[in-house]
Amino acid sequence: MNPLDKIHALDEIEKDILLCMQSAGLALQELGKEKSSQKSAETQSQQFLKSLSSVESKLSEQINYLTQVSTGQPHEGSGYASAKVLQMAWHRIQHARSRVRELEETKAKHSHAARQQQKRQQEHAAAQQQQQQQQAAAAAAQQQQQQAAGVGSVGVGAGSSDGGTTGGGNTAGSAASGGVGGMGSDSSGGMQTN
């Protein structure tokens, strides 16, 4: 059995350990329920015992192998150390790739959030500008209305003054006519008396 096969065997042992822990957790979870299913709990317990037995046997094989090759001296027929270094290097590469992917995802999220914030700021500025334009237009319209109302008031006042002058002239003319008529009457009366 070459070193790569040993590494694959260790991977299988690790998977069996995870399966064993999962079965134990499911069994305990089933027993912790108020209405637990005895059949399900027994199934998970049997799976746990089976996985535990498999892990124990495989680990015993690996330990026996290590006791044969691990003597503190370089072993001519064993490449376990080199294979382990290679495996750790692959793990580091995978970890670095996962970290780079996480950083890229974080960068994409921040970029998206920044674009959304910039878009909201632009929309807010546009809304404020539109509101200011509407307020300026309303103020201009109000000013025009006030100017138009002022011009109308001046025209009405001028017309009233002209009417008063004309009425005064008519009154004066009437008074003058009446005075002349009175004088004529007085003259006629004086003449008749003589």
N, C-alpha and C. Protein backbone atom coordinates (compact mmCIF):
# COMPACT_ATOMS: atom_id res chain seq x y z
N MET A 1 0.86 -1.19 0.00
CA MET A 1 0.00 0.00 0.00
C MET A 1 0.89 1.24 0.00
N ASN A 2 0.70 2.11 -1.00
CA ASN A 2 1.53 3.31 -1.11
C ASN A 2 1.04 4.40 -0.17
N PRO A 3 1.81 5.48 0.01
CA PRO A 3 1.42 6.54 0.95
C PRO A 3 0.10 7.22 0.61
N LEU A 4 -0.18 7.36 -0.67
CA LEU A 4 -1.45 7.99 -1.04
C LEU A 4 -2.64 7.16 -0.59
N ASP A 5 -2.50 5.83 -0.68
CA ASP A 5 -3.57 4.96 -0.18
C ASP A 5 -3.74 5.12 1.32
N LYS A 6 -2.62 5.30 2.02
CA LYS A 6 -2.72 5.53 3.47
C LYS A 6 -3.45 6.84 3.77
N ILE A 7 -3.15 7.84 2.99
CA ILE A 7 -3.83 9.13 3.20
C ILE A 7 -5.32 9.00 2.92
N HIS A 8 -5.66 8.27 1.86
CA HIS A 8 -7.09 8.05 1.56
C HIS A 8 -7.76 7.26 2.68
N ALA A 9 -7.03 6.31 3.24
CA ALA A 9 -7.59 5.54 4.36
C ALA A 9 -7.84 6.44 5.56
N LEU A 10 -6.92 7.38 5.82
CA LEU A 10 -7.13 8.33 6.92
C LEU A 10 -8.33 9.24 6.65
N ASP A 11 -8.50 9.62 5.40
CA ASP A 11 -9.68 10.41 5.05
C ASP A 11 -10.97 9.63 5.30
N GLU A 12 -10.96 8.36 4.94
CA GLU A 12 -12.15 7.54 5.19
C GLU A 12 -12.42 7.41 6.69
N ILE A 13 -11.35 7.29 7.46
CA ILE A 13 -11.54 7.22 8.92
C ILE A 13 -12.15 8.51 9.44
N GLU A 14 -11.68 9.62 8.92
CA GLU A 14 -12.24 10.91 9.35
C GLU A 14 -13.73 11.01 9.00
N LYS A 15 -14.10 10.55 7.83
CA LYS A 15 -15.51 10.56 7.43
C LYS A 15 -16.34 9.65 8.35
N ASP A 16 -15.76 8.48 8.72
CA ASP A 16 -16.47 7.57 9.61
C ASP A 16 -16.65 8.19 10.99
N ILE A 17 -15.66 8.95 11.44
CA ILE A 17 -15.78 9.61 12.74
C ILE A 17 -16.89 10.66 12.70
N LEU A 18 -16.96 11.42 11.61
CA LEU A 18 -18.03 12.41 11.48
C LEU A 18 -19.40 11.74 11.44
N LEU A 19 -19.49 10.63 10.71
CA LEU A 19 -20.75 9.89 10.65
C LEU A 19 -21.12 9.35 12.02
N CYS A 20 -20.13 8.89 12.76
CA CYS A 20 -20.37 8.37 14.10
C CYS A 20 -20.91 9.46 15.02
N MET A 21 -20.29 10.64 14.96
CA MET A 21 -20.75 11.76 15.79
C MET A 21 -22.14 12.22 15.38
N GLN A 22 -22.41 12.21 14.09
CA GLN A 22 -23.74 12.60 13.61
C GLN A 22 -24.81 11.62 14.10
N SER A 23 -24.51 10.33 14.04
CA SER A 23 -25.48 9.33 14.51
C SER A 23 -25.74 9.48 16.00
N ALA A 24 -24.67 9.72 16.76
CA ALA A 24 -24.85 9.91 18.20
C ALA A 24 -25.69 11.14 18.48
N GLY A 25 -25.45 12.23 17.75
CA GLY A 25 -26.23 13.45 17.94
C GLY A 25 -27.70 13.26 17.61
N LEU A 26 -27.97 12.54 16.53
CA LEU A 26 -29.37 12.29 16.15
C LEU A 26 -30.07 11.40 17.18
N ALA A 27 -29.33 10.42 17.70
CA ALA A 27 -29.92 9.55 18.72
C ALA A 27 -30.26 10.33 19.98
N LEU A 28 -29.34 11.19 20.41
CA LEU A 28 -29.62 12.01 21.60
C LEU A 28 -30.74 13.00 21.34
N GLN A 29 -30.80 13.55 20.15
CA GLN A 29 -31.87 14.47 19.80
C GLN A 29 -33.23 13.77 19.82
N GLU A 30 -33.25 12.54 19.31
CA GLU A 30 -34.50 11.79 19.30
C GLU A 30 -34.93 11.44 20.72
N LEU A 31 -33.98 11.11 21.57
CA LEU A 31 -34.32 10.78 22.96
C LEU A 31 -34.75 12.02 23.74
N GLY A 32 -34.29 13.20 23.32
CA GLY A 32 -34.66 14.42 24.03
C GLY A 32 -36.03 14.94 23.68
N LYS A 33 -36.66 14.37 22.67
CA LYS A 33 -38.01 14.83 22.30
C LYS A 33 -39.04 14.34 23.31
N GLU A 34 -40.15 15.08 23.37
CA GLU A 34 -41.23 14.68 24.28
C GLU A 34 -41.86 13.38 23.81
N LYS A 35 -42.10 13.28 22.51
CA LYS A 35 -42.65 12.06 21.94
C LYS A 35 -41.58 11.44 21.05
N SER A 36 -40.65 10.78 21.66
CA SER A 36 -39.53 10.20 20.91
C SER A 36 -39.94 8.87 20.28
N SER A 37 -39.33 8.60 19.15
CA SER A 37 -39.58 7.34 18.44
C SER A 37 -38.50 6.34 18.85
N GLN A 38 -38.91 5.27 19.49
CA GLN A 38 -37.94 4.28 19.95
C GLN A 38 -37.24 3.62 18.79
N LYS A 39 -37.97 3.41 17.71
CA LYS A 39 -37.38 2.75 16.54
C LYS A 39 -36.29 3.63 15.93
N SER A 40 -36.57 4.92 15.79
CA SER A 40 -35.58 5.84 15.23
C SER A 40 -34.36 5.95 16.12
N ALA A 41 -34.59 6.01 17.44
CA ALA A 41 -33.47 6.09 18.37
C ALA A 41 -32.60 4.84 18.30
N GLU A 42 -33.24 3.66 18.20
CA GLU A 42 -32.48 2.42 18.10
C GLU A 42 -31.69 2.37 16.78
N THR A 43 -32.30 2.85 15.71
CA THR A 43 -31.60 2.85 14.42
C THR A 43 -30.35 3.73 14.47
N GLN A 44 -30.50 4.92 15.06
CA GLN A 44 -29.35 5.82 15.17
C GLN A 44 -28.28 5.25 16.10
N SER A 45 -28.72 4.59 17.15
CA SER A 45 -27.76 3.98 18.08
C SER A 45 -26.98 2.85 17.40
N GLN A 46 -27.68 2.02 16.64
CA GLN A 46 -27.00 0.94 15.92
C GLN A 46 -26.02 1.50 14.88
N GLN A 47 -26.43 2.58 14.22
CA GLN A 47 -25.54 3.21 13.25
C GLN A 47 -24.30 3.76 13.94
N PHE A 48 -24.50 4.34 15.12
CA PHE A 48 -23.38 4.87 15.90
C PHE A 48 -22.41 3.76 16.29
N LEU A 49 -22.96 2.64 16.80
CA LEU A 49 -22.09 1.53 17.21
C LEU A 49 -21.35 0.93 16.02
N LYS A 50 -22.04 0.84 14.88
CA LYS A 50 -21.40 0.30 13.68
C LYS A 50 -20.26 1.20 13.22
N SER A 51 -20.51 2.51 13.19
CA SER A 51 -19.47 3.45 12.78
C SER A 51 -18.32 3.45 13.76
N LEU A 52 -18.64 3.33 15.04
CA LEU A 52 -17.58 3.32 16.06
C LEU A 52 -16.69 2.09 15.91
N SER A 53 -17.31 0.96 15.62
CA SER A 53 -16.53 -0.26 15.43
C SER A 53 -15.62 -0.16 14.21
N SER A 54 -16.15 0.45 13.13
CA SER A 54 -15.35 0.61 11.92
C SER A 54 -14.18 1.55 12.16
N VAL A 55 -14.43 2.63 12.88
CA VAL A 55 -13.35 3.58 13.18
C VAL A 55 -12.29 2.92 14.05
N GLU A 56 -12.72 2.15 15.01
CA GLU A 56 -11.77 1.50 15.91
C GLU A 56 -10.86 0.54 15.16
N SER A 57 -11.44 -0.26 14.26
CA SER A 57 -10.63 -1.23 13.52
C SER A 57 -9.66 -0.53 12.57
N LYS A 58 -10.13 0.49 11.87
CA LYS A 58 -9.27 1.20 10.92
C LYS A 58 -8.15 1.95 11.64
N LEU A 59 -8.48 2.55 12.77
CA LEU A 59 -7.44 3.24 13.54
C LEU A 59 -6.40 2.26 14.06
N SER A 60 -6.83 1.08 14.45
CA SER A 60 -5.88 0.06 14.94
C SER A 60 -4.91 -0.32 13.82
N GLU A 61 -5.43 -0.45 12.59
CA GLU A 61 -4.56 -0.77 11.46
C GLU A 61 -3.52 0.34 11.23
N GLN A 62 -3.97 1.58 11.30
CA GLN A 62 -3.05 2.70 11.07
C GLN A 62 -2.01 2.80 12.19
N ILE A 63 -2.44 2.55 13.41
CA ILE A 63 -1.51 2.61 14.54
C ILE A 63 -0.47 1.50 14.42
N ASN A 64 -0.90 0.32 14.04
CA ASN A 64 0.04 -0.78 13.86
C ASN A 64 1.06 -0.45 12.76
N TYR A 65 0.58 0.16 11.69
CA TYR A 65 1.50 0.55 10.61
C TYR A 65 2.50 1.59 11.09
N LEU A 66 2.02 2.57 11.84
CA LEU A 66 2.92 3.62 12.32
C LEU A 66 3.94 3.09 13.32
N THR A 67 3.57 2.11 14.11
CA THR A 67 4.54 1.53 15.04
C THR A 67 5.65 0.80 14.28
N GLN A 68 5.36 0.36 13.08
CA GLN A 68 6.36 -0.34 12.29
C GLN A 68 7.30 0.61 11.56
N VAL A 69 6.77 1.76 11.09
CA VAL A 69 7.59 2.66 10.27
C VAL A 69 8.13 3.86 11.03
N SER A 70 7.53 4.21 12.15
CA SER A 70 7.97 5.39 12.90
C SER A 70 8.98 4.96 13.95
N THR A 71 10.24 4.97 13.56
CA THR A 71 11.31 4.57 14.50
C THR A 71 12.21 5.74 14.84
N GLY A 72 11.86 6.94 14.38
CA GLY A 72 12.72 8.09 14.63
C GLY A 72 13.82 8.24 13.61
N GLN A 73 13.95 7.32 12.70
CA GLN A 73 14.97 7.36 11.66
C GLN A 73 14.28 7.34 10.30
N PRO A 74 14.93 7.91 9.32
CA PRO A 74 14.34 7.86 7.99
C PRO A 74 14.11 6.43 7.54
N HIS A 75 12.91 6.17 7.08
CA HIS A 75 12.55 4.82 6.63
C HIS A 75 12.66 4.77 5.12
N GLU A 76 13.37 3.81 4.64
CA GLU A 76 13.64 3.74 3.21
C GLU A 76 12.37 3.47 2.40
N GLY A 77 11.49 2.67 2.92
CA GLY A 77 10.32 2.28 2.13
C GLY A 77 9.09 3.10 2.44
N SER A 78 9.20 4.15 3.25
CA SER A 78 8.04 4.93 3.64
C SER A 78 8.13 6.34 3.08
N GLY A 79 7.09 6.75 2.42
CA GLY A 79 6.99 8.13 1.95
C GLY A 79 5.88 8.88 2.66
N TYR A 80 5.55 8.43 3.89
CA TYR A 80 4.43 9.02 4.61
C TYR A 80 4.68 10.49 4.93
N ALA A 81 5.93 10.80 5.34
CA ALA A 81 6.22 12.20 5.71
C ALA A 81 6.07 13.11 4.50
N SER A 82 6.61 12.71 3.37
CA SER A 82 6.49 13.53 2.17
C SER A 82 5.04 13.66 1.72
N ALA A 83 4.32 12.56 1.81
CA ALA A 83 2.90 12.61 1.42
C ALA A 83 2.11 13.52 2.36
N LYS A 84 2.48 13.48 3.64
CA LYS A 84 1.79 14.33 4.60
C LYS A 84 2.09 15.80 4.33
N VAL A 85 3.36 16.09 4.00
CA VAL A 85 3.71 17.47 3.65
C VAL A 85 2.94 17.91 2.41
N LEU A 86 2.84 17.04 1.43
CA LEU A 86 2.09 17.36 0.22
C LEU A 86 0.61 17.61 0.52
N GLN A 87 0.06 16.75 1.37
CA GLN A 87 -1.35 16.91 1.74
C GLN A 87 -1.57 18.24 2.48
N MET A 88 -0.67 18.59 3.39
CA MET A 88 -0.80 19.85 4.12
C MET A 88 -0.66 21.04 3.17
N ALA A 89 0.22 20.89 2.17
CA ALA A 89 0.35 21.97 1.18
C ALA A 89 -0.95 22.14 0.39
N TRP A 90 -1.56 21.03 0.01
CA TRP A 90 -2.85 21.13 -0.69
C TRP A 90 -3.92 21.76 0.19
N HIS A 91 -3.91 21.42 1.46
CA HIS A 91 -4.87 22.02 2.39
C HIS A 91 -4.65 23.52 2.50
N ARG A 92 -3.38 23.93 2.56
CA ARG A 92 -3.10 25.36 2.65
C ARG A 92 -3.54 26.09 1.39
N ILE A 93 -3.32 25.45 0.23
CA ILE A 93 -3.76 26.07 -1.03
C ILE A 93 -5.28 26.22 -1.05
N GLN A 94 -5.98 25.16 -0.65
CA GLN A 94 -7.44 25.23 -0.62
C GLN A 94 -7.93 26.30 0.35
N HIS A 95 -7.25 26.40 1.50
CA HIS A 95 -7.64 27.41 2.48
C HIS A 95 -7.39 28.82 1.91
N ALA A 96 -6.26 29.00 1.24
CA ALA A 96 -5.97 30.30 0.63
C ALA A 96 -7.01 30.64 -0.44
N ARG A 97 -7.39 29.65 -1.24
CA ARG A 97 -8.40 29.90 -2.27
C ARG A 97 -9.74 30.27 -1.65
N SER A 98 -10.09 29.57 -0.59
CA SER A 98 -11.37 29.89 0.07
C SER A 98 -11.34 31.29 0.66
N ARG A 99 -10.20 31.68 1.24
CA ARG A 99 -10.08 33.02 1.81
C ARG A 99 -10.17 34.09 0.71
N VAL A 100 -9.51 33.82 -0.42
CA VAL A 100 -9.57 34.77 -1.54
C VAL A 100 -11.00 34.89 -2.05
N ARG A 101 -11.70 33.76 -2.14
CA ARG A 101 -13.10 33.80 -2.59
C ARG A 101 -13.97 34.59 -1.61
N GLU A 102 -13.74 34.39 -0.31
CA GLU A 102 -14.51 35.14 0.69
C GLU A 102 -14.23 36.64 0.58
N LEU A 103 -12.94 36.98 0.38
CA LEU A 103 -12.61 38.39 0.23
C LEU A 103 -13.24 39.00 -1.01
N GLU A 104 -13.27 38.24 -2.10
CA GLU A 104 -13.91 38.74 -3.32
C GLU A 104 -15.41 38.94 -3.10
N GLU A 105 -16.04 38.01 -2.40
CA GLU A 105 -17.47 38.16 -2.12
C GLU A 105 -17.73 39.37 -1.23
N THR A 106 -16.86 39.56 -0.22
CA THR A 106 -17.01 40.72 0.66
C THR A 106 -16.82 42.02 -0.13
N LYS A 107 -15.81 42.02 -1.02
CA LYS A 107 -15.58 43.20 -1.84
C LYS A 107 -16.78 43.49 -2.73
N ALA A 108 -17.35 42.45 -3.32
CA ALA A 108 -18.52 42.63 -4.18
C ALA A 108 -19.70 43.19 -3.39
N LYS A 109 -19.88 42.68 -2.16
CA LYS A 109 -20.98 43.18 -1.33
C LYS A 109 -20.79 44.65 -1.00
N HIS A 110 -19.56 45.02 -0.60
CA HIS A 110 -19.29 46.41 -0.25
C HIS A 110 -19.43 47.32 -1.48
N SER A 111 -18.98 46.84 -2.63
CA SER A 111 -19.12 47.64 -3.84
C SER A 111 -20.58 47.85 -4.19
N HIS A 112 -21.37 46.80 -4.06
CA HIS A 112 -22.80 46.91 -4.34
C HIS A 112 -23.47 47.88 -3.37
N ALA A 113 -23.10 47.78 -2.09
CA ALA A 113 -23.68 48.69 -1.09
C ALA A 113 -23.27 50.13 -1.38
N ALA A 114 -22.01 50.34 -1.78
CA ALA A 114 -21.55 51.69 -2.10
C ALA A 114 -22.30 52.26 -3.30
N ARG A 115 -22.50 51.41 -4.32
CA ARG A 115 -23.25 51.87 -5.50
C ARG A 115 -24.70 52.21 -5.14
N GLN A 116 -25.30 51.40 -4.29
CA GLN A 116 -26.67 51.68 -3.87
C GLN A 116 -26.74 52.99 -3.09
N GLN A 117 -25.78 53.21 -2.20
CA GLN A 117 -25.77 54.44 -1.42
C GLN A 117 -25.55 55.65 -2.32
N GLN A 118 -24.64 55.55 -3.28
CA GLN A 118 -24.41 56.65 -4.21
C GLN A 118 -25.66 56.93 -5.04
N LYS A 119 -26.35 55.88 -5.45
CA LYS A 119 -27.58 56.06 -6.22
C LYS A 119 -28.64 56.77 -5.39
N ARG A 120 -28.75 56.35 -4.11
CA ARG A 120 -29.73 57.01 -3.24
C ARG A 120 -29.38 58.48 -3.03
N GLN A 121 -28.09 58.77 -2.87
CA GLN A 121 -27.69 60.17 -2.69
C GLN A 121 -28.00 60.99 -3.93
N GLN A 122 -27.75 60.42 -5.12
CA GLN A 122 -28.06 61.14 -6.34
C GLN A 122 -29.56 61.38 -6.48
N GLU A 123 -30.36 60.37 -6.15
CA GLU A 123 -31.81 60.54 -6.22
C GLU A 123 -32.28 61.60 -5.23
N HIS A 124 -31.69 61.60 -4.03
CA HIS A 124 -32.07 62.60 -3.02
C HIS A 124 -31.69 64.00 -3.49
N ALA A 125 -30.49 64.15 -4.07
CA ALA A 125 -30.06 65.45 -4.56
C ALA A 125 -30.96 65.93 -5.71
N ALA A 126 -31.34 64.99 -6.60
CA ALA A 126 -32.23 65.35 -7.70
C ALA A 126 -33.60 65.78 -7.18
N ALA A 127 -34.08 65.07 -6.16
CA ALA A 127 -35.38 65.43 -5.59
C ALA A 127 -35.32 66.80 -4.93
N GLN A 128 -34.22 67.09 -4.23
CA GLN A 128 -34.08 68.41 -3.61
C GLN A 128 -34.00 69.51 -4.66
N GLN A 129 -33.26 69.25 -5.73
CA GLN A 129 -33.15 70.25 -6.80
C GLN A 129 -34.50 70.50 -7.45
N GLN A 130 -35.25 69.42 -7.69
CA GLN A 130 -36.58 69.58 -8.27
C GLN A 130 -37.51 70.35 -7.34
N GLN A 131 -37.39 70.06 -6.05
CA GLN A 131 -38.22 70.78 -5.08
C GLN A 131 -37.87 72.26 -5.05
N GLN A 132 -36.56 72.56 -5.10
CA GLN A 132 -36.14 73.96 -5.11
C GLN A 132 -36.64 74.67 -6.37
N GLN A 133 -36.58 73.98 -7.52
CA GLN A 133 -37.09 74.57 -8.76
C GLN A 133 -38.59 74.85 -8.66
N GLN A 134 -39.32 73.90 -8.09
CA GLN A 134 -40.77 74.10 -7.92
C GLN A 134 -41.05 75.28 -7.00
N GLN A 135 -40.27 75.38 -5.89
CA GLN A 135 -40.47 76.50 -4.97
C GLN A 135 -40.14 77.83 -5.65
N ALA A 136 -39.07 77.86 -6.45
CA ALA A 136 -38.70 79.09 -7.15
C ALA A 136 -39.79 79.47 -8.16
N ALA A 137 -40.33 78.48 -8.88
CA ALA A 137 -41.39 78.76 -9.84
C ALA A 137 -42.65 79.28 -9.14
N ALA A 138 -42.97 78.68 -7.99
CA ALA A 138 -44.15 79.15 -7.23
C ALA A 138 -43.94 80.56 -6.73
N ALA A 139 -42.73 80.87 -6.26
CA ALA A 139 -42.45 82.23 -5.78
C ALA A 139 -42.52 83.24 -6.92
N ALA A 140 -42.01 82.88 -8.10
CA ALA A 140 -42.08 83.78 -9.25
C ALA A 140 -43.53 84.02 -9.67
N ALA A 141 -44.33 82.96 -9.67
CA ALA A 141 -45.75 83.11 -10.03
C ALA A 141 -46.48 84.00 -9.03
N GLN A 142 -46.16 83.81 -7.75
CA GLN A 142 -46.80 84.63 -6.71
C GLN A 142 -46.40 86.10 -6.86
N GLN A 143 -45.13 86.35 -7.19
CA GLN A 143 -44.66 87.71 -7.37
C GLN A 143 -45.35 88.37 -8.56
N GLN A 144 -45.51 87.59 -9.66
CA GLN A 144 -46.21 88.14 -10.83
C GLN A 144 -47.66 88.48 -10.50
N GLN A 145 -48.30 87.60 -9.72
CA GLN A 145 -49.68 87.89 -9.32
C GLN A 145 -49.77 89.15 -8.47
N GLN A 146 -48.80 89.31 -7.55
CA GLN A 146 -48.80 90.52 -6.72
C GLN A 146 -48.58 91.76 -7.56
N GLN A 147 -47.66 91.69 -8.54
CA GLN A 147 -47.42 92.84 -9.42
C GLN A 147 -48.66 93.17 -10.23
N ALA A 148 -49.35 92.15 -10.74
CA ALA A 148 -50.57 92.38 -11.52
C ALA A 148 -51.66 93.00 -10.66
N ALA A 149 -51.79 92.57 -9.43
CA ALA A 149 -52.79 93.13 -8.53
C ALA A 149 -52.47 94.58 -8.21
N GLY A 150 -51.18 94.94 -8.06
CA GLY A 150 -50.79 96.32 -7.79
C GLY A 150 -51.10 97.24 -8.95
N VAL A 151 -50.85 96.82 -10.17
CA VAL A 151 -51.16 97.62 -11.35
C VAL A 151 -52.66 97.85 -11.47
N GLY A 152 -53.46 96.83 -11.19
CA GLY A 152 -54.92 96.99 -11.24
C GLY A 152 -55.42 98.00 -10.22
N SER A 153 -54.84 98.00 -9.02
CA SER A 153 -55.26 98.94 -7.97
C SER A 153 -54.93 100.37 -8.37
N VAL A 154 -53.78 100.61 -8.98
CA VAL A 154 -53.39 101.96 -9.42
C VAL A 154 -54.35 102.46 -10.49
N GLY A 155 -54.74 101.59 -11.43
CA GLY A 155 -55.66 101.99 -12.49
C GLY A 155 -57.03 102.36 -11.94
N VAL A 156 -57.52 101.63 -10.98
CA VAL A 156 -58.83 101.92 -10.38
C VAL A 156 -58.79 103.23 -9.64
N GLY A 157 -57.71 103.50 -8.91
CA GLY A 157 -57.58 104.76 -8.16
C GLY A 157 -57.54 105.95 -9.09
N ALA A 158 -56.85 105.87 -10.21
CA ALA A 158 -56.78 106.97 -11.17
C ALA A 158 -58.15 107.25 -11.77
N GLY A 159 -58.91 106.20 -12.08
CA GLY A 159 -60.24 106.39 -12.63
C GLY A 159 -61.16 107.10 -11.65
N SER A 160 -61.06 106.81 -10.42
CA SER A 160 -61.90 107.44 -9.39
C SER A 160 -61.57 108.92 -9.28
N SER A 161 -60.31 109.28 -9.37
CA SER A 161 -59.91 110.69 -9.28
C SER A 161 -60.47 111.47 -10.45
N ASP A 162 -60.41 110.91 -11.67
CA ASP A 162 -60.96 111.58 -12.83
C ASP A 162 -62.45 111.80 -12.68
N GLY A 163 -63.15 110.83 -12.16
CA GLY A 163 -64.60 110.96 -11.97
C GLY A 163 -64.93 112.06 -10.99
N GLY A 164 -64.14 112.19 -9.96
CA GLY A 164 -64.40 113.25 -8.97
C GLY A 164 -64.19 114.61 -9.55
N THR A 165 -63.21 114.77 -10.39
CA THR A 165 -62.94 116.07 -11.01
C THR A 165 -64.09 116.48 -11.93
N THR A 166 -64.57 115.52 -12.69
CA THR A 166 -65.67 115.79 -13.61
C THR A 166 -66.91 116.17 -12.84
N GLY A 167 -67.19 115.47 -11.79
CA GLY A 167 -68.37 115.78 -10.98
C GLY A 167 -68.27 117.16 -10.38
N GLY A 168 -67.07 117.52 -9.97
CA GLY A 168 -66.89 118.86 -9.38
C GLY A 168 -67.13 119.93 -10.42
N GLY A 169 -66.68 119.70 -11.65
CA GLY A 169 -66.90 120.68 -12.70
C GLY A 169 -68.37 120.83 -12.99
N ASN A 170 -69.07 119.76 -12.99
CA ASN A 170 -70.51 119.83 -13.24
C ASN A 170 -71.19 120.59 -12.14
N THR A 171 -70.81 120.37 -10.93
CA THR A 171 -71.43 121.07 -9.80
C THR A 171 -71.16 122.56 -9.87
N ALA A 172 -69.91 122.89 -10.24
CA ALA A 172 -69.58 124.31 -10.34
C ALA A 172 -70.38 124.96 -11.45
N GLY A 173 -70.55 124.25 -12.55
CA GLY A 173 -71.33 124.81 -13.66
C GLY A 173 -72.77 125.03 -13.27
N SER A 174 -73.30 124.10 -12.55
CA SER A 174 -74.69 124.24 -12.11
C SER A 174 -74.83 125.41 -11.19
N ALA A 175 -73.85 125.54 -10.31
CA ALA A 175 -73.92 126.66 -9.35
C ALA A 175 -73.81 127.98 -10.09
N ALA A 176 -72.96 128.01 -11.08
CA ALA A 176 -72.81 129.25 -11.84
C ALA A 176 -74.09 129.58 -12.58
N SER A 177 -74.70 128.55 -13.15
CA SER A 177 -75.95 128.78 -13.87
C SER A 177 -77.02 129.27 -12.94
N GLY A 178 -77.06 128.66 -11.78
CA GLY A 178 -78.08 129.08 -10.81
C GLY A 178 -77.84 130.50 -10.38
N GLY A 179 -76.57 130.87 -10.23
CA GLY A 179 -76.27 132.25 -9.80
C GLY A 179 -76.69 133.24 -10.86
N VAL A 180 -76.46 132.94 -12.06
CA VAL A 180 -76.84 133.84 -13.15
C VAL A 180 -78.34 133.98 -13.21
N GLY A 181 -79.03 132.84 -13.05
CA GLY A 181 -80.49 132.90 -13.09
C GLY A 181 -81.03 133.74 -11.95
N GLY A 182 -80.43 133.63 -10.80
CA GLY A 182 -80.91 134.40 -9.64
C GLY A 182 -80.70 135.87 -9.85
N MET A 183 -79.56 136.20 -10.43
CA MET A 183 -79.30 137.60 -10.69
C MET A 183 -80.30 138.14 -11.67
N GLY A 184 -80.66 137.34 -12.67
CA GLY A 184 -81.66 137.80 -13.65
C GLY A 184 -82.99 138.03 -13.00
N SER A 185 -83.36 137.17 -12.09
CA SER A 185 -84.65 137.32 -11.44
C SER A 185 -84.67 138.56 -10.59
N ASP A 186 -83.55 138.77 -9.90
CA ASP A 186 -83.51 139.98 -9.03
C ASP A 186 -83.58 141.23 -9.86
N SER A 187 -82.94 141.26 -11.00
CA SER A 187 -82.95 142.44 -11.86
C SER A 187 -84.34 142.68 -12.38
N SER A 188 -84.99 141.58 -12.78
CA SER A 188 -86.36 141.73 -13.30
C SER A 188 -87.29 142.25 -12.24
N GLY A 189 -87.13 141.76 -11.04
CA GLY A 189 -88.01 142.20 -9.98
C GLY A 189 -87.80 143.67 -9.67
N GLY A 190 -86.55 144.11 -9.72
CA GLY A 190 -86.28 145.50 -9.41
C GLY A 190 -86.86 146.42 -10.48
N MET A 191 -86.78 145.99 -11.64
CA MET A 191 -87.31 146.79 -12.72
C MET A 191 -88.80 146.88 -12.64
N GLN A 192 -89.48 145.84 -12.28
CA GLN A 192 -90.94 145.85 -12.17
C GLN A 192 -91.37 146.75 -11.03
N THR A 193 -90.62 146.84 -10.01
CA THR A 193 -91.03 147.68 -8.86
C THR A 193 -90.98 149.13 -9.22
N ASN A 194 -90.02 149.50 -9.92
CA ASN A 194 -89.96 150.91 -10.37
C ASN A 194 -91.15 151.20 -11.27
